[in-house]
Amino acid sequence: MGARVGRSHLCGVAILLLAGCVGQGSIADEGTGQMWQGTGTKSGPGTFVTEKCPANKTCTNVTVHHEPPGTEAYSYVWKLKHRALVGIPYGEEPITVYVVGDRAECDKQASAHPAQGNMRLSEDPAERCAGPVWVRVAP
């Protein structure tokens, strides 16, 4: 997850992490996820899908598919750097956020998130607005 714009978006990502939602991985074909609305100050509001529902969000169960029908979505990856108690980094954990909309919407949402603290947008071009996938509301 998750995830939005400027301070509001970074707060949303921070909420994802602080709410025990670390480990937001990519969703396998026909796998389930949680769709939720985010608000932001730089990139504007958006609709997101993450593996788990962020704290303080109302979510809808969805499935993610590699073929239509459904609502188009693209994913980007945040990296959370893990540090030992003494501050030594020992690895990064990927956090996958799907942006419901076209690739331009994903680019807009992803580019609004500069690196902050232990979090940064993945530098791997394959993890920037990958897709499309199609999101369907679960029965």
Protein backbone atom coordinates (compact mmCIF):
# COMPACT_ATOMS: atom_id res chain seq x y z
CA MET A 1 0.00 0.00 0.00
CA GLY A 2 -0.93 2.51 -0.20
CA ALA A 3 -0.99 5.69 -0.46
CA ARG A 4 -1.04 9.26 -1.56
CA VAL A 5 0.28 12.66 -2.02
CA GLY A 6 2.65 14.99 -0.27
CA ARG A 7 2.42 14.98 3.49
CA SER A 8 -1.04 13.49 3.39
CA HIS A 9 0.15 10.65 1.17
CA LEU A 10 3.30 10.07 3.12
CA CYS A 11 1.17 10.01 6.25
CA GLY A 12 -1.00 7.41 4.56
CA VAL A 13 2.04 5.30 3.76
CA ALA A 14 3.30 5.82 7.31
CA ILE A 15 -0.10 4.73 8.63
CA LEU A 16 0.13 1.58 6.51
CA LEU A 17 3.46 0.78 8.09
CA LEU A 18 2.59 1.74 11.63
CA ALA A 19 -0.71 -0.13 11.46
CA GLY A 20 1.09 -3.43 11.04
CA CYS A 21 0.60 -3.49 7.30
CA VAL A 22 4.26 -3.92 6.56
CA GLY A 23 4.52 -6.75 4.10
CA GLN A 24 2.12 -5.30 1.55
CA GLY A 25 3.27 -7.53 -1.28
CA SER A 26 2.15 -7.83 -4.84
CA ILE A 27 -1.15 -9.63 -5.33
CA ALA A 28 -1.06 -12.82 -7.40
CA ASP A 29 -3.34 -13.29 -10.41
CA GLU A 30 -6.87 -13.82 -9.09
CA GLY A 31 -5.61 -12.98 -5.59
CA THR A 32 -7.56 -10.81 -3.19
CA GLY A 33 -6.78 -7.30 -2.03
CA GLN A 34 -8.38 -4.29 -0.38
CA MET A 35 -9.51 -1.24 -2.36
CA TRP A 36 -9.65 2.11 -0.56
CA GLN A 37 -9.82 5.85 -1.18
CA GLY A 38 -6.87 8.07 -0.39
CA THR A 39 -6.69 11.83 -0.11
CA GLY A 40 -3.71 13.95 -0.89
CA THR A 41 -2.47 17.47 -1.16
CA LYS A 42 0.00 17.25 -4.08
CA SER A 43 -1.28 14.57 -6.44
CA GLY A 44 -4.93 14.72 -5.48
CA PRO A 45 -7.28 11.99 -4.31
CA GLY A 46 -7.05 8.49 -5.69
CA THR A 47 -8.22 4.92 -5.40
CA PHE A 48 -5.71 2.31 -4.26
CA VAL A 49 -5.50 -1.44 -3.78
CA THR A 50 -3.17 -3.05 -1.27
CA GLU A 51 -2.86 -6.55 0.10
CA LYS A 52 -4.21 -5.46 3.50
CA CYS A 53 -6.61 -2.72 4.52
CA PRO A 54 -4.82 0.27 6.09
CA ALA A 55 -5.88 1.35 9.57
CA ASN A 56 -8.66 3.97 9.64
CA LYS A 57 -9.73 3.20 6.05
CA THR A 58 -12.94 1.67 4.76
CA CYS A 59 -12.02 -1.05 2.30
CA THR A 60 -13.77 -3.14 -0.32
CA ASN A 61 -12.68 -6.72 -1.06
CA VAL A 62 -11.41 -7.04 -4.63
CA THR A 63 -9.62 -9.54 -6.81
CA VAL A 64 -6.75 -8.67 -9.13
CA HIS A 65 -6.57 -10.24 -12.60
CA HIS A 66 -4.07 -10.14 -15.43
CA GLU A 67 -6.84 -9.98 -18.05
CA PRO A 68 -10.01 -7.84 -18.42
CA PRO A 69 -12.79 -7.34 -17.51
CA GLY A 70 -12.36 -5.05 -14.54
CA THR A 71 -11.03 -1.62 -13.70
CA GLU A 72 -7.54 -0.89 -14.99
CA ALA A 73 -4.79 -0.46 -12.38
CA TYR A 74 -0.98 -0.17 -12.24
CA SER A 75 1.41 -0.86 -9.37
CA TYR A 76 4.45 0.83 -7.91
CA VAL A 77 6.77 -0.28 -5.14
CA TRP A 78 7.98 1.51 -2.03
CA LYS A 79 11.07 0.24 -0.25
CA LEU A 80 11.17 0.26 3.54
CA LYS A 81 14.71 0.10 4.89
CA HIS A 82 15.11 -2.06 7.98
CA ARG A 83 17.65 -1.05 10.59
CA ALA A 84 19.07 -2.88 13.58
CA LEU A 85 18.56 -1.34 17.00
CA VAL A 86 21.98 0.28 16.69
CA GLY A 87 20.95 1.88 13.38
CA ILE A 88 22.79 -0.37 10.96
CA PRO A 89 20.70 -1.06 7.82
CA TYR A 90 20.19 -4.74 7.04
CA GLY A 91 17.75 -4.88 4.14
CA GLU A 92 14.68 -3.47 2.48
CA GLU A 93 11.10 -4.69 2.34
CA PRO A 94 8.96 -4.00 -0.75
CA ILE A 95 5.51 -2.49 -0.29
CA THR A 96 3.34 -2.77 -3.40
CA VAL A 97 0.59 -0.21 -4.03
CA TYR A 98 -1.85 -0.51 -6.94
CA VAL A 99 -3.27 2.73 -8.33
CA VAL A 100 -6.71 2.33 -9.90
CA GLY A 101 -6.67 4.26 -13.17
CA ASP A 102 -4.43 4.55 -16.19
CA ARG A 103 -0.62 4.64 -16.29
CA ALA A 104 -0.62 8.45 -16.20
CA GLU A 105 -2.55 8.37 -12.89
CA CYS A 106 -0.04 5.88 -11.48
CA ASP A 107 2.88 8.06 -12.62
CA LYS A 108 1.23 11.07 -10.98
CA GLN A 109 0.68 9.26 -7.69
CA ALA A 110 4.09 7.57 -7.58
CA SER A 111 6.07 10.70 -8.50
CA ALA A 112 4.41 12.66 -5.68
CA HIS A 113 6.30 10.59 -3.09
CA PRO A 114 9.84 11.69 -2.45
CA ALA A 115 12.09 9.60 -0.24
CA GLN A 116 11.40 10.18 3.44
CA GLY A 117 13.22 8.64 6.37
CA ASN A 118 13.47 4.88 5.88
CA MET A 119 11.07 4.87 2.90
CA ARG A 120 11.76 5.51 -0.77
CA LEU A 121 10.23 4.77 -4.14
CA SER A 122 11.89 1.79 -5.84
CA GLU A 123 14.63 2.75 -8.30
CA ASP A 124 13.90 -0.31 -10.44
CA PRO A 125 12.01 0.82 -13.58
CA ALA A 126 10.22 -2.56 -13.63
CA GLU A 127 8.60 -1.63 -10.29
CA ARG A 128 7.28 1.75 -11.47
CA CYS A 129 3.73 1.63 -12.76
CA ALA A 130 3.87 -2.00 -13.82
CA GLY A 131 0.79 -3.40 -15.42
CA PRO A 132 -1.89 -3.16 -16.32
CA VAL A 133 -3.90 -5.46 -14.09
CA TRP A 134 -7.66 -5.42 -13.71
CA VAL A 135 -9.44 -5.03 -10.41
CA ARG A 136 -12.85 -6.58 -9.83
CA VAL A 137 -15.06 -6.18 -6.78
CA ALA A 138 -15.12 -9.56 -5.05
CA PRO A 139 -18.49 -11.33 -4.88
